[in-house]
Amino acid sequence: MNREWLKVLIAALFEVFWVIGLKHAATPWAWLGTAVSILVSFYLMIAASSKLPVGTVYAVFVGLGTAGTVFAELVFFGEPFKIMKVLLILLLLAGVIGLKLVTKEKDPGTKGAES
């Protein structure tokens, strides 16, 4: 995995933090953590988009964030386990992995055009 995809992965992890924070934050410190997570998440996603196709970056970011949020809700917040939900998340992750596998990095000489 190269540096740009690592940025997308870390951005998606911070997305999980801020989405959970939007639902569960109750103190000023929790809200501050949520705001910092939003800033870090979007900064890394935007930075990765400078070298990778923006559509693919966004799809991977949202897909991983969604899967991570559902997983966190199941494990940490007592969301009821539903097999159909898990199967659909796995289908989503398969699509995200497929997008990553077929996406090439931008050529530095193309000034933002996708390869």
PDB file of N, CA and C in Angstrom:
ATOM      1  N   MET A   1       0.858  -1.176   0.000  1.00  0.00           N
ATOM      2  CA  MET A   1       0.000   0.000   0.000  1.00  0.00           C
ATOM      3  C   MET A   1       0.901   1.234   0.000  1.00  0.00           C
ATOM      4  N   ASN A   2       0.614   2.159  -0.905  1.00  0.00           N
ATOM      5  CA  ASN A   2       1.461   3.342  -0.950  1.00  0.00           C
ATOM      6  C   ASN A   2       0.960   4.407   0.025  1.00  0.00           C
ATOM      7  N   ARG A   3       1.697   5.480   0.111  1.00  0.00           N
ATOM      8  CA  ARG A   3       1.428   6.550   1.082  1.00  0.00           C
ATOM      9  C   ARG A   3       0.040   7.178   0.888  1.00  0.00           C
ATOM     10  N   GLU A   4      -0.384   7.364  -0.345  1.00  0.00           N
ATOM     11  CA  GLU A   4      -1.675   8.020  -0.592  1.00  0.00           C
ATOM     12  C   GLU A   4      -2.842   7.149  -0.127  1.00  0.00           C
ATOM     13  N   TRP A   5      -2.767   5.845  -0.371  1.00  0.00           N
ATOM     14  CA  TRP A   5      -3.834   4.959   0.095  1.00  0.00           C
ATOM     15  C   TRP A   5      -3.812   4.857   1.611  1.00  0.00           C
ATOM     16  N   LEU A   6      -2.642   4.957   2.222  1.00  0.00           N
ATOM     17  CA  LEU A   6      -2.557   4.964   3.674  1.00  0.00           C
ATOM     18  C   LEU A   6      -3.264   6.202   4.237  1.00  0.00           C
ATOM     19  N   LYS A   7      -3.121   7.336   3.557  1.00  0.00           N
ATOM     20  CA  LYS A   7      -3.847   8.551   3.969  1.00  0.00           C
ATOM     21  C   LYS A   7      -5.351   8.316   3.919  1.00  0.00           C
ATOM     22  N   VAL A   8      -5.832   7.653   2.875  1.00  0.00           N
ATOM     23  CA  VAL A   8      -7.265   7.377   2.754  1.00  0.00           C
ATOM     24  C   VAL A   8      -7.717   6.457   3.893  1.00  0.00           C
ATOM     25  N   LEU A   9      -6.926   5.451   4.200  1.00  0.00           N
ATOM     26  CA  LEU A   9      -7.264   4.520   5.277  1.00  0.00           C
ATOM     27  C   LEU A   9      -7.335   5.245   6.625  1.00  0.00           C
ATOM     28  N   ILE A  10      -6.358   6.088   6.909  1.00  0.00           N
ATOM     29  CA  ILE A  10      -6.357   6.840   8.168  1.00  0.00           C
ATOM     30  C   ILE A  10      -7.517   7.842   8.188  1.00  0.00           C
ATOM     31  N   ALA A  11      -7.791   8.475   7.050  1.00  0.00           N
ATOM     32  CA  ALA A  11      -8.925   9.401   6.961  1.00  0.00           C
ATOM     33  C   ALA A  11     -10.230   8.678   7.276  1.00  0.00           C
ATOM     34  N   ALA A  12     -10.391   7.468   6.777  1.00  0.00           N
ATOM     35  CA  ALA A  12     -11.607   6.691   7.037  1.00  0.00           C
ATOM     36  C   ALA A  12     -11.706   6.318   8.518  1.00  0.00           C
ATOM     37  N   LEU A  13     -10.581   6.026   9.146  1.00  0.00           N
ATOM     38  CA  LEU A  13     -10.574   5.731  10.576  1.00  0.00           C
ATOM     39  C   LEU A  13     -11.055   6.957  11.364  1.00  0.00           C
ATOM     40  N   PHE A  14     -10.551   8.133  11.017  1.00  0.00           N
ATOM     41  CA  PHE A  14     -10.991   9.353  11.687  1.00  0.00           C
ATOM     42  C   PHE A  14     -12.458   9.661  11.362  1.00  0.00           C
ATOM     43  N   GLU A  15     -12.913   9.238  10.186  1.00  0.00           N
ATOM     44  CA  GLU A  15     -14.330   9.412   9.862  1.00  0.00           C
ATOM     45  C   GLU A  15     -15.195   8.628  10.836  1.00  0.00           C
ATOM     46  N   VAL A  16     -14.775   7.424  11.174  1.00  0.00           N
ATOM     47  CA  VAL A  16     -15.514   6.627  12.149  1.00  0.00           C
ATOM     48  C   VAL A  16     -15.597   7.377  13.477  1.00  0.00           C
ATOM     49  N   PHE A  17     -14.475   7.975  13.904  1.00  0.00           N
ATOM     50  CA  PHE A  17     -14.461   8.710  15.172  1.00  0.00           C
ATOM     51  C   PHE A  17     -15.439   9.879  15.148  1.00  0.00           C
ATOM     52  N   TRP A  18     -15.425  10.656  14.036  1.00  0.00           N
ATOM     53  CA  TRP A  18     -16.294  11.832  14.055  1.00  0.00           C
ATOM     54  C   TRP A  18     -17.764  11.479  13.873  1.00  0.00           C
ATOM     55  N   VAL A  19     -18.064  10.436  13.123  1.00  0.00           N
ATOM     56  CA  VAL A  19     -19.467  10.033  12.977  1.00  0.00           C
ATOM     57  C   VAL A  19     -20.010   9.548  14.326  1.00  0.00           C
ATOM     58  N   ILE A  20     -19.229   8.751  15.030  1.00  0.00           N
ATOM     59  CA  ILE A  20     -19.643   8.301  16.360  1.00  0.00           C
ATOM     60  C   ILE A  20     -19.747   9.503  17.302  1.00  0.00           C
ATOM     61  N   GLY A  21     -18.802  10.442  17.172  1.00  0.00           N
ATOM     62  CA  GLY A  21     -18.843  11.643  18.001  1.00  0.00           C
ATOM     63  C   GLY A  21     -20.102  12.459  17.775  1.00  0.00           C
ATOM     64  N   LEU A  22     -20.557  12.540  16.534  1.00  0.00           N
ATOM     65  CA  LEU A  22     -21.780  13.298  16.260  1.00  0.00           C
ATOM     66  C   LEU A  22     -22.978  12.707  17.009  1.00  0.00           C
ATOM     67  N   LYS A  23     -22.972  11.408  17.182  1.00  0.00           N
ATOM     68  CA  LYS A  23     -24.094  10.756  17.859  1.00  0.00           C
ATOM     69  C   LYS A  23     -23.924  10.735  19.378  1.00  0.00           C
ATOM     70  N   HIS A  24     -22.694  10.513  19.854  1.00  0.00           N
ATOM     71  CA  HIS A  24     -22.500  10.214  21.269  1.00  0.00           C
ATOM     72  C   HIS A  24     -21.818  11.317  22.077  1.00  0.00           C
ATOM     73  N   ALA A  25     -21.299  12.354  21.451  1.00  0.00           N
ATOM     74  CA  ALA A  25     -20.593  13.401  22.197  1.00  0.00           C
ATOM     75  C   ALA A  25     -21.563  14.141  23.118  1.00  0.00           C
ATOM     76  N   ALA A  26     -21.143  14.311  24.369  1.00  0.00           N
ATOM     77  CA  ALA A  26     -22.001  14.981  25.342  1.00  0.00           C
ATOM     78  C   ALA A  26     -21.247  16.037  26.148  1.00  0.00           C
ATOM     79  N   THR A  27     -19.946  16.113  25.984  1.00  0.00           N
ATOM     80  CA  THR A  27     -19.140  17.074  26.736  1.00  0.00           C
ATOM     81  C   THR A  27     -18.372  17.952  25.754  1.00  0.00           C
ATOM     82  N   PRO A  28     -17.905  19.098  26.218  1.00  0.00           N
ATOM     83  CA  PRO A  28     -17.100  19.941  25.328  1.00  0.00           C
ATOM     84  C   PRO A  28     -15.854  19.227  24.795  1.00  0.00           C
ATOM     85  N   TRP A  29     -15.213  18.403  25.618  1.00  0.00           N
ATOM     86  CA  TRP A  29     -14.019  17.675  25.160  1.00  0.00           C
ATOM     87  C   TRP A  29     -14.369  16.668  24.076  1.00  0.00           C
ATOM     88  N   ALA A  30     -15.498  15.990  24.234  1.00  0.00           N
ATOM     89  CA  ALA A  30     -15.935  15.031  23.208  1.00  0.00           C
ATOM     90  C   ALA A  30     -16.259  15.761  21.906  1.00  0.00           C
ATOM     91  N   TRP A  31     -16.879  16.936  22.008  1.00  0.00           N
ATOM     92  CA  TRP A  31     -17.177  17.713  20.804  1.00  0.00           C
ATOM     93  C   TRP A  31     -15.900  18.233  20.161  1.00  0.00           C
ATOM     94  N   LEU A  32     -14.926  18.607  20.984  1.00  0.00           N
ATOM     95  CA  LEU A  32     -13.639  19.047  20.441  1.00  0.00           C
ATOM     96  C   LEU A  32     -12.960  17.891  19.704  1.00  0.00           C
ATOM     97  N   GLY A  33     -12.990  16.705  20.298  1.00  0.00           N
ATOM     98  CA  GLY A  33     -12.431  15.526  19.632  1.00  0.00           C
ATOM     99  C   GLY A  33     -13.137  15.223  18.318  1.00  0.00           C
ATOM    100  N   THR A  34     -14.443  15.413  18.301  1.00  0.00           N
ATOM    101  CA  THR A  34     -15.211  15.213  17.074  1.00  0.00           C
ATOM    102  C   THR A  34     -14.778  16.202  15.999  1.00  0.00           C
ATOM    103  N   ALA A  35     -14.627  17.474  16.387  1.00  0.00           N
ATOM    104  CA  ALA A  35     -14.207  18.506  15.432  1.00  0.00           C
ATOM    105  C   ALA A  35     -12.798  18.241  14.901  1.00  0.00           C
ATOM    106  N   VAL A  36     -11.895  17.849  15.781  1.00  0.00           N
ATOM    107  CA  VAL A  36     -10.527  17.531  15.346  1.00  0.00           C
ATOM    108  C   VAL A  36     -10.546  16.336  14.395  1.00  0.00           C
ATOM    109  N   SER A  37     -11.368  15.340  14.693  1.00  0.00           N
ATOM    110  CA  SER A  37     -11.471  14.167  13.819  1.00  0.00           C
ATOM    111  C   SER A  37     -11.990  14.551  12.433  1.00  0.00           C
ATOM    112  N   ILE A  38     -12.943  15.474  12.375  1.00  0.00           N
ATOM    113  CA  ILE A  38     -13.444  15.947  11.081  1.00  0.00           C
ATOM    114  C   ILE A  38     -12.315  16.609  10.301  1.00  0.00           C
ATOM    115  N   LEU A  39     -11.576  17.483  10.960  1.00  0.00           N
ATOM    116  CA  LEU A  39     -10.480  18.197  10.286  1.00  0.00           C
ATOM    117  C   LEU A  39      -9.409  17.237   9.774  1.00  0.00           C
ATOM    118  N   VAL A  40      -8.978  16.310  10.606  1.00  0.00           N
ATOM    119  CA  VAL A  40      -7.946  15.346  10.204  1.00  0.00           C
ATOM    120  C   VAL A  40      -8.458  14.477   9.058  1.00  0.00           C
ATOM    121  N   SER A  41      -9.680  14.000   9.191  1.00  0.00           N
ATOM    122  CA  SER A  41     -10.268  13.123   8.186  1.00  0.00           C
ATOM    123  C   SER A  41     -10.309  13.794   6.815  1.00  0.00           C
ATOM    124  N   PHE A  42     -10.850  15.001   6.765  1.00  0.00           N
ATOM    125  CA  PHE A  42     -10.984  15.679   5.479  1.00  0.00           C
ATOM    126  C   PHE A  42      -9.634  16.154   4.939  1.00  0.00           C
ATOM    127  N   TYR A  43      -8.736  16.566   5.817  1.00  0.00           N
ATOM    128  CA  TYR A  43      -7.404  16.968   5.353  1.00  0.00           C
ATOM    129  C   TYR A  43      -6.706  15.801   4.648  1.00  0.00           C
ATOM    130  N   LEU A  44      -6.724  14.622   5.273  1.00  0.00           N
ATOM    131  CA  LEU A  44      -6.063  13.454   4.678  1.00  0.00           C
ATOM    132  C   LEU A  44      -6.746  13.018   3.383  1.00  0.00           C
ATOM    133  N   MET A  45      -8.076  13.078   3.354  1.00  0.00           N
ATOM    134  CA  MET A  45      -8.783  12.694   2.125  1.00  0.00           C
ATOM    135  C   MET A  45      -8.445  13.650   0.991  1.00  0.00           C
ATOM    136  N   ILE A  46      -8.429  14.938   1.277  1.00  0.00           N
ATOM    137  CA  ILE A  46      -8.098  15.927   0.250  1.00  0.00           C
ATOM    138  C   ILE A  46      -6.654  15.771  -0.203  1.00  0.00           C
ATOM    139  N   ALA A  47      -5.749  15.515   0.736  1.00  0.00           N
ATOM    140  CA  ALA A  47      -4.335  15.324   0.383  1.00  0.00           C
ATOM    141  C   ALA A  47      -4.163  14.108  -0.527  1.00  0.00           C
ATOM    142  N   ALA A  48      -4.851  13.021  -0.223  1.00  0.00           N
ATOM    143  CA  ALA A  48      -4.753  11.818  -1.055  1.00  0.00           C
ATOM    144  C   ALA A  48      -5.333  12.065  -2.444  1.00  0.00           C
ATOM    145  N   SER A  49      -6.337  12.922  -2.521  1.00  0.00           N
ATOM    146  CA  SER A  49      -6.973  13.216  -3.811  1.00  0.00           C
ATOM    147  C   SER A  49      -6.057  13.962  -4.770  1.00  0.00           C
ATOM    148  N   SER A  50      -4.978  14.521  -4.256  1.00  0.00           N
ATOM    149  CA  SER A  50      -4.039  15.206  -5.156  1.00  0.00           C
ATOM    150  C   SER A  50      -3.252  14.226  -6.016  1.00  0.00           C
ATOM    151  N   LYS A  51      -3.170  12.958  -5.584  1.00  0.00           N
ATOM    152  CA  LYS A  51      -2.412  11.961  -6.333  1.00  0.00           C
ATOM    153  C   LYS A  51      -3.267  10.803  -6.847  1.00  0.00           C
ATOM    154  N   LEU A  52      -4.464  10.663  -6.301  1.00  0.00           N
ATOM    155  CA  LEU A  52      -5.361   9.570  -6.692  1.00  0.00           C
ATOM    156  C   LEU A  52      -6.645  10.166  -7.258  1.00  0.00           C
ATOM    157  N   PRO A  53      -7.363   9.435  -8.085  1.00  0.00           N
ATOM    158  CA  PRO A  53      -8.628   9.942  -8.621  1.00  0.00           C
ATOM    159  C   PRO A  53      -9.629  10.239  -7.499  1.00  0.00           C
ATOM    160  N   VAL A  54     -10.176  11.434  -7.519  1.00  0.00           N
ATOM    161  CA  VAL A  54     -11.023  11.904  -6.428  1.00  0.00           C
ATOM    162  C   VAL A  54     -12.266  11.035  -6.247  1.00  0.00           C
ATOM    163  N   GLY A  55     -12.867  10.565  -7.313  1.00  0.00           N
ATOM    164  CA  GLY A  55     -14.056   9.726  -7.196  1.00  0.00           C
ATOM    165  C   GLY A  55     -13.773   8.424  -6.471  1.00  0.00           C
ATOM    166  N   THR A  56     -12.662   7.815  -6.786  1.00  0.00           N
ATOM    167  CA  THR A  56     -12.286   6.568  -6.137  1.00  0.00           C
ATOM    168  C   THR A  56     -11.913   6.810  -4.687  1.00  0.00           C
ATOM    169  N   VAL A  57     -11.169   7.880  -4.436  1.00  0.00           N
ATOM    170  CA  VAL A  57     -10.795   8.214  -3.051  1.00  0.00           C
ATOM    171  C   VAL A  57     -12.050   8.402  -2.213  1.00  0.00           C
ATOM    172  N   TYR A  58     -13.002   9.159  -2.734  1.00  0.00           N
ATOM    173  CA  TYR A  58     -14.221   9.421  -1.973  1.00  0.00           C
ATOM    174  C   TYR A  58     -15.005   8.133  -1.731  1.00  0.00           C
ATOM    175  N   ALA A  59     -15.125   7.289  -2.743  1.00  0.00           N
ATOM    176  CA  ALA A  59     -15.861   6.029  -2.592  1.00  0.00           C
ATOM    177  C   ALA A  59     -15.200   5.129  -1.546  1.00  0.00           C
ATOM    178  N   VAL A  60     -13.883   5.025  -1.588  1.00  0.00           N
ATOM    179  CA  VAL A  60     -13.164   4.197  -0.619  1.00  0.00           C
ATOM    180  C   VAL A  60     -13.309   4.795   0.784  1.00  0.00           C
ATOM    181  N   PHE A  61     -13.142   6.110   0.890  1.00  0.00           N
ATOM    182  CA  PHE A  61     -13.268   6.815   2.164  1.00  0.00           C
ATOM    183  C   PHE A  61     -14.639   6.562   2.798  1.00  0.00           C
ATOM    184  N   VAL A  62     -15.692   6.765   2.033  1.00  0.00           N
ATOM    185  CA  VAL A  62     -17.048   6.595   2.556  1.00  0.00           C
ATOM    186  C   VAL A  62     -17.335   5.124   2.842  1.00  0.00           C
ATOM    187  N   GLY A  63     -16.905   4.233   1.958  1.00  0.00           N
ATOM    188  CA  GLY A  63     -17.150   2.807   2.168  1.00  0.00           C
ATOM    189  C   GLY A  63     -16.487   2.282   3.425  1.00  0.00           C
ATOM    190  N   LEU A  64     -15.205   2.618   3.604  1.00  0.00           N
ATOM    191  CA  LEU A  64     -14.501   2.165   4.803  1.00  0.00           C
ATOM    192  C   LEU A  64     -15.063   2.829   6.054  1.00  0.00           C
ATOM    193  N   GLY A  65     -15.401   4.101   5.939  1.00  0.00           N
ATOM    194  CA  GLY A  65     -15.992   4.794   7.081  1.00  0.00           C
ATOM    195  C   GLY A  65     -17.326   4.196   7.487  1.00  0.00           C
ATOM    196  N   THR A  66     -18.141   3.867   6.501  1.00  0.00           N
ATOM    197  CA  THR A  66     -19.435   3.247   6.783  1.00  0.00           C
ATOM    198  C   THR A  66     -19.255   1.889   7.454  1.00  0.00           C
ATOM    199  N   ALA A  67     -18.391   1.073   6.893  1.00  0.00           N
ATOM    200  CA  ALA A  67     -18.146  -0.251   7.472  1.00  0.00           C
ATOM    201  C   ALA A  67     -17.595  -0.127   8.889  1.00  0.00           C
ATOM    202  N   GLY A  68     -16.656   0.787   9.085  1.00  0.00           N
ATOM    203  CA  GLY A  68     -16.076   0.983  10.414  1.00  0.00           C
ATOM    204  C   GLY A  68     -17.092   1.472  11.421  1.00  0.00           C
ATOM    205  N   THR A  69     -17.967   2.364  10.992  1.00  0.00           N
ATOM    206  CA  THR A  69     -18.996   2.885  11.890  1.00  0.00           C
ATOM    207  C   THR A  69     -19.991   1.795  12.279  1.00  0.00           C
ATOM    208  N   VAL A  70     -20.419   0.997  11.322  1.00  0.00           N
ATOM    209  CA  VAL A  70     -21.336  -0.110  11.624  1.00  0.00           C
ATOM    210  C   VAL A  70     -20.675  -1.099  12.572  1.00  0.00           C
ATOM    211  N   PHE A  71     -19.410  -1.429  12.313  1.00  0.00           N
ATOM    212  CA  PHE A  71     -18.672  -2.350  13.189  1.00  0.00           C
ATOM    213  C   PHE A  71     -18.576  -1.784  14.608  1.00  0.00           C
ATOM    214  N   ALA A  72     -18.217  -0.504  14.734  1.00  0.00           N
ATOM    215  CA  ALA A  72     -18.094   0.118  16.055  1.00  0.00           C
ATOM    216  C   ALA A  72     -19.431   0.126  16.790  1.00  0.00           C
ATOM    217  N   GLU A  73     -20.502   0.421  16.066  1.00  0.00           N
ATOM    218  CA  GLU A  73     -21.825   0.413  16.694  1.00  0.00           C
ATOM    219  C   GLU A  73     -22.182  -0.989  17.206  1.00  0.00           C
ATOM    220  N   LEU A  74     -21.838  -2.019  16.436  1.00  0.00           N
ATOM    221  CA  LEU A  74     -22.107  -3.390  16.876  1.00  0.00           C
ATOM    222  C   LEU A  74     -21.275  -3.767  18.099  1.00  0.00           C
ATOM    223  N   VAL A  75     -19.983  -3.457  18.060  1.00  0.00           N
ATOM    224  CA  VAL A  75     -19.064  -3.908  19.100  1.00  0.00           C
ATOM    225  C   VAL A  75     -19.125  -3.048  20.361  1.00  0.00           C
ATOM    226  N   PHE A  76     -19.190  -1.738  20.204  1.00  0.00           N
ATOM    227  CA  PHE A  76     -19.046  -0.856  21.363  1.00  0.00           C
ATOM    228  C   PHE A  76     -20.353  -0.252  21.883  1.00  0.00           C
ATOM    229  N   PHE A  77     -21.383  -0.216  21.067  1.00  0.00           N
ATOM    230  CA  PHE A  77     -22.586   0.498  21.469  1.00  0.00           C
ATOM    231  C   PHE A  77     -23.844  -0.368  21.462  1.00  0.00           C
ATOM    232  N   GLY A  78     -23.677  -1.675  21.359  1.00  0.00           N
ATOM    233  CA  GLY A  78     -24.800  -2.583  21.523  1.00  0.00           C
ATOM    234  C   GLY A  78     -25.846  -2.589  20.423  1.00  0.00           C
ATOM    235  N   GLU A  79     -25.467  -2.148  19.234  1.00  0.00           N
ATOM    236  CA  GLU A  79     -26.392  -2.214  18.092  1.00  0.00           C
ATOM    237  C   GLU A  79     -26.721  -3.687  17.836  1.00  0.00           C
ATOM    238  N   PRO A  80     -27.986  -4.021  17.597  1.00  0.00           N
ATOM    239  CA  PRO A  80     -28.328  -5.428  17.366  1.00  0.00           C
ATOM    240  C   PRO A  80     -27.658  -5.984  16.102  1.00  0.00           C
ATOM    241  N   PHE A  81     -27.165  -7.202  16.219  1.00  0.00           N
ATOM    242  CA  PHE A  81     -26.519  -7.878  15.089  1.00  0.00           C
ATOM    243  C   PHE A  81     -27.580  -8.372  14.129  1.00  0.00           C
ATOM    244  N   LYS A  82     -27.442  -7.982  12.863  1.00  0.00           N
ATOM    245  CA  LYS A  82     -28.347  -8.464  11.817  1.00  0.00           C
ATOM    246  C   LYS A  82     -27.485  -8.988  10.676  1.00  0.00           C
ATOM    247  N   ILE A  83     -27.687 -10.245  10.335  1.00  0.00           N
ATOM    248  CA  ILE A  83     -26.852 -10.888   9.325  1.00  0.00           C
ATOM    249  C   ILE A  83     -26.940 -10.161   7.986  1.00  0.00           C
ATOM    250  N   MET A  84     -28.109  -9.668   7.620  1.00  0.00           N
ATOM    251  CA  MET A  84     -28.257  -8.979   6.342  1.00  0.00           C
ATOM    252  C   MET A  84     -27.413  -7.701   6.327  1.00  0.00           C
ATOM    253  N   LYS A  85     -27.369  -6.984   7.434  1.00  0.00           N
ATOM    254  CA  LYS A  85     -26.558  -5.772   7.520  1.00  0.00           C
ATOM    255  C   LYS A  85     -25.079  -6.115   7.328  1.00  0.00           C
ATOM    256  N   VAL A  86     -24.624  -7.169   7.966  1.00  0.00           N
ATOM    257  CA  VAL A  86     -23.219  -7.581   7.840  1.00  0.00           C
ATOM    258  C   VAL A  86     -22.917  -8.012   6.406  1.00  0.00           C
ATOM    259  N   LEU A  87     -23.816  -8.762   5.792  1.00  0.00           N
ATOM    260  CA  LEU A  87     -23.604  -9.198   4.409  1.00  0.00           C
ATOM    261  C   LEU A  87     -23.547  -7.990   3.457  1.00  0.00           C
ATOM    262  N   LEU A  88     -24.395  -7.021   3.677  1.00  0.00           N
ATOM    263  CA  LEU A  88     -24.376  -5.827   2.825  1.00  0.00           C
ATOM    264  C   LEU A  88     -23.107  -5.001   3.034  1.00  0.00           C
ATOM    265  N   ILE A  89     -22.632  -4.924   4.256  1.00  0.00           N
ATOM    266  CA  ILE A  89     -21.360  -4.226   4.518  1.00  0.00           C
ATOM    267  C   ILE A  89     -20.216  -4.969   3.837  1.00  0.00           C
ATOM    268  N   LEU A  90     -20.228  -6.288   3.879  1.00  0.00           N
ATOM    269  CA  LEU A  90     -19.192  -7.066   3.189  1.00  0.00           C
ATOM    270  C   LEU A  90     -19.245  -6.834   1.683  1.00  0.00           C
ATOM    271  N   LEU A  91     -20.442  -6.731   1.126  1.00  0.00           N
ATOM    272  CA  LEU A  91     -20.593  -6.418  -0.292  1.00  0.00           C
ATOM    273  C   LEU A  91     -20.025  -5.030  -0.594  1.00  0.00           C
ATOM    274  N   LEU A  92     -20.319  -4.080   0.277  1.00  0.00           N
ATOM    275  CA  LEU A  92     -19.771  -2.728   0.135  1.00  0.00           C
ATOM    276  C   LEU A  92     -18.242  -2.754   0.160  1.00  0.00           C
ATOM    277  N   LEU A  93     -17.674  -3.491   1.110  1.00  0.00           N
ATOM    278  CA  LEU A  93     -16.216  -3.585   1.202  1.00  0.00           C
ATOM    279  C   LEU A  93     -15.614  -4.259  -0.022  1.00  0.00           C
ATOM    280  N   ALA A  94     -16.305  -5.243  -0.585  1.00  0.00           N
ATOM    281  CA  ALA A  94     -15.816  -5.880  -1.806  1.00  0.00           C
ATOM    282  C   ALA A  94     -15.745  -4.859  -2.937  1.00  0.00           C
ATOM    283  N   GLY A  95     -16.744  -3.990  -3.036  1.00  0.00           N
ATOM    284  CA  GLY A  95     -16.722  -2.935  -4.043  1.00  0.00           C
ATOM    285  C   GLY A  95     -15.593  -1.947  -3.811  1.00  0.00           C
ATOM    286  N   VAL A  96     -15.361  -1.581  -2.562  1.00  0.00           N
ATOM    287  CA  VAL A  96     -14.273  -0.659  -2.219  1.00  0.00           C
ATOM    288  C   VAL A  96     -12.922  -1.265  -2.580  1.00  0.00           C
ATOM    289  N   ILE A  97     -12.727  -2.514  -2.232  1.00  0.00           N
ATOM    290  CA  ILE A  97     -11.461  -3.193  -2.566  1.00  0.00           C
ATOM    291  C   ILE A  97     -11.304  -3.272  -4.076  1.00  0.00           C
ATOM    292  N   GLY A  98     -12.372  -3.585  -4.776  1.00  0.00           N
ATOM    293  CA  GLY A  98     -12.320  -3.637  -6.246  1.00  0.00           C
ATOM    294  C   GLY A  98     -11.935  -2.292  -6.835  1.00  0.00           C
ATOM    295  N   LEU A  99     -12.507  -1.208  -6.340  1.00  0.00           N
ATOM    296  CA  LEU A  99     -12.144   0.125  -6.827  1.00  0.00           C
ATOM    297  C   LEU A  99     -10.669   0.420  -6.598  1.00  0.00           C
ATOM    298  N   LYS A 100     -10.192   0.066  -5.426  1.00  0.00           N
ATOM    299  CA  LYS A 100      -8.781   0.320  -5.118  1.00  0.00           C
ATOM    300  C   LYS A 100      -7.868  -0.473  -6.052  1.00  0.00           C
ATOM    301  N   LEU A 101      -8.248  -1.698  -6.348  1.00  0.00           N
ATOM    302  CA  LEU A 101      -7.412  -2.557  -7.187  1.00  0.00           C
ATOM    303  C   LEU A 101      -7.343  -2.089  -8.637  1.00  0.00           C
ATOM    304  N   VAL A 102      -8.397  -1.460  -9.125  1.00  0.00           N
ATOM    305  CA  VAL A 102      -8.406  -1.046 -10.532  1.00  0.00           C
ATOM    306  C   VAL A 102      -8.015   0.417 -10.734  1.00  0.00           C
ATOM    307  N   THR A 103      -7.676   1.125  -9.660  1.00  0.00           N
ATOM    308  CA  THR A 103      -7.347   2.547  -9.760  1.00  0.00           C
ATOM    309  C   THR A 103      -5.845   2.745  -9.803  1.00  0.00           C
ATOM    310  N   LYS A 104      -5.429   3.569 -10.742  1.00  0.00           N
ATOM    311  CA  LYS A 104      -4.020   3.923 -10.868  1.00  0.00           C
ATOM    312  C   LYS A 104      -3.821   5.319 -10.296  1.00  0.00           C
ATOM    313  N   GLU A 105      -2.586   5.597  -9.841  1.00  0.00           N
ATOM    314  CA  GLU A 105      -2.269   6.933  -9.354  1.00  0.00           C
ATOM    315  C   GLU A 105      -2.214   7.895 -10.538  1.00  0.00           C
ATOM    316  N   LYS A 106      -2.451   9.174 -10.244  1.00  0.00           N
ATOM    317  CA  LYS A 106      -2.344  10.204 -11.274  1.00  0.00           C
ATOM    318  C   LYS A 106      -0.894  10.373 -11.679  1.00  0.00           C
ATOM    319  N   ASP A 107      -0.694  10.657 -12.954  1.00  0.00           N
ATOM    320  CA  ASP A 107       0.636  10.980 -13.451  1.00  0.00           C
ATOM    321  C   ASP A 107       0.966  12.394 -12.998  1.00  0.00           C
ATOM    322  N   PRO A 108       2.109  12.597 -12.298  1.00  0.00           N
ATOM    323  CA  PRO A 108       2.438  13.922 -11.781  1.00  0.00           C
ATOM    324  C   PRO A 108       2.457  15.013 -12.861  1.00  0.00           C
ATOM    325  N   GLY A 109       2.673  14.671 -14.104  1.00  0.00           N
ATOM    326  CA  GLY A 109       2.752  15.661 -15.173  1.00  0.00           C
ATOM    327  C   GLY A 109       1.415  16.051 -15.775  1.00  0.00           C
ATOM    328  N   THR A 110       0.292  15.455 -15.290  1.00  0.00           N
ATOM    329  CA  THR A 110      -1.002  15.728 -15.924  1.00  0.00           C
ATOM    330  C   THR A 110      -1.803  16.827 -15.233  1.00  0.00           C
ATOM    331  N   LYS A 111      -1.289  17.444 -14.209  1.00  0.00           N
ATOM    332  CA  LYS A 111      -1.941  18.555 -13.490  1.00  0.00           C
ATOM    333  C   LYS A 111      -3.364  18.219 -13.077  1.00  0.00           C
ATOM    334  N   GLY A 112      -3.545  17.070 -12.386  1.00  0.00           N
ATOM    335  CA  GLY A 112      -4.833  16.748 -11.816  1.00  0.00           C
ATOM    336  C   GLY A 112      -5.735  15.864 -12.663  1.00  0.00           C
ATOM    337  N   ALA A 113      -5.366  15.601 -13.914  1.00  0.00           N
ATOM    338  CA  ALA A 113      -6.194  14.724 -14.742  1.00  0.00           C
ATOM    339  C   ALA A 113      -6.057  13.295 -14.255  1.00  0.00           C
ATOM    340  N   GLU A 114      -7.151  12.554 -14.324  1.00  0.00           N
ATOM    341  CA  GLU A 114      -7.110  11.164 -13.896  1.00  0.00           C
ATOM    342  C   GLU A 114      -6.496  10.305 -14.991  1.00  0.00           C
ATOM    343  N   SER A 115      -5.790   9.227 -14.568  1.00  0.00           N
ATOM    344  CA  SER A 115      -5.168   8.311 -15.526  1.00  0.00           C
ATOM    345  C   SER A 115      -6.190   7.359 -16.068  1.00  0.00           C
TER     346      SER A 115
END
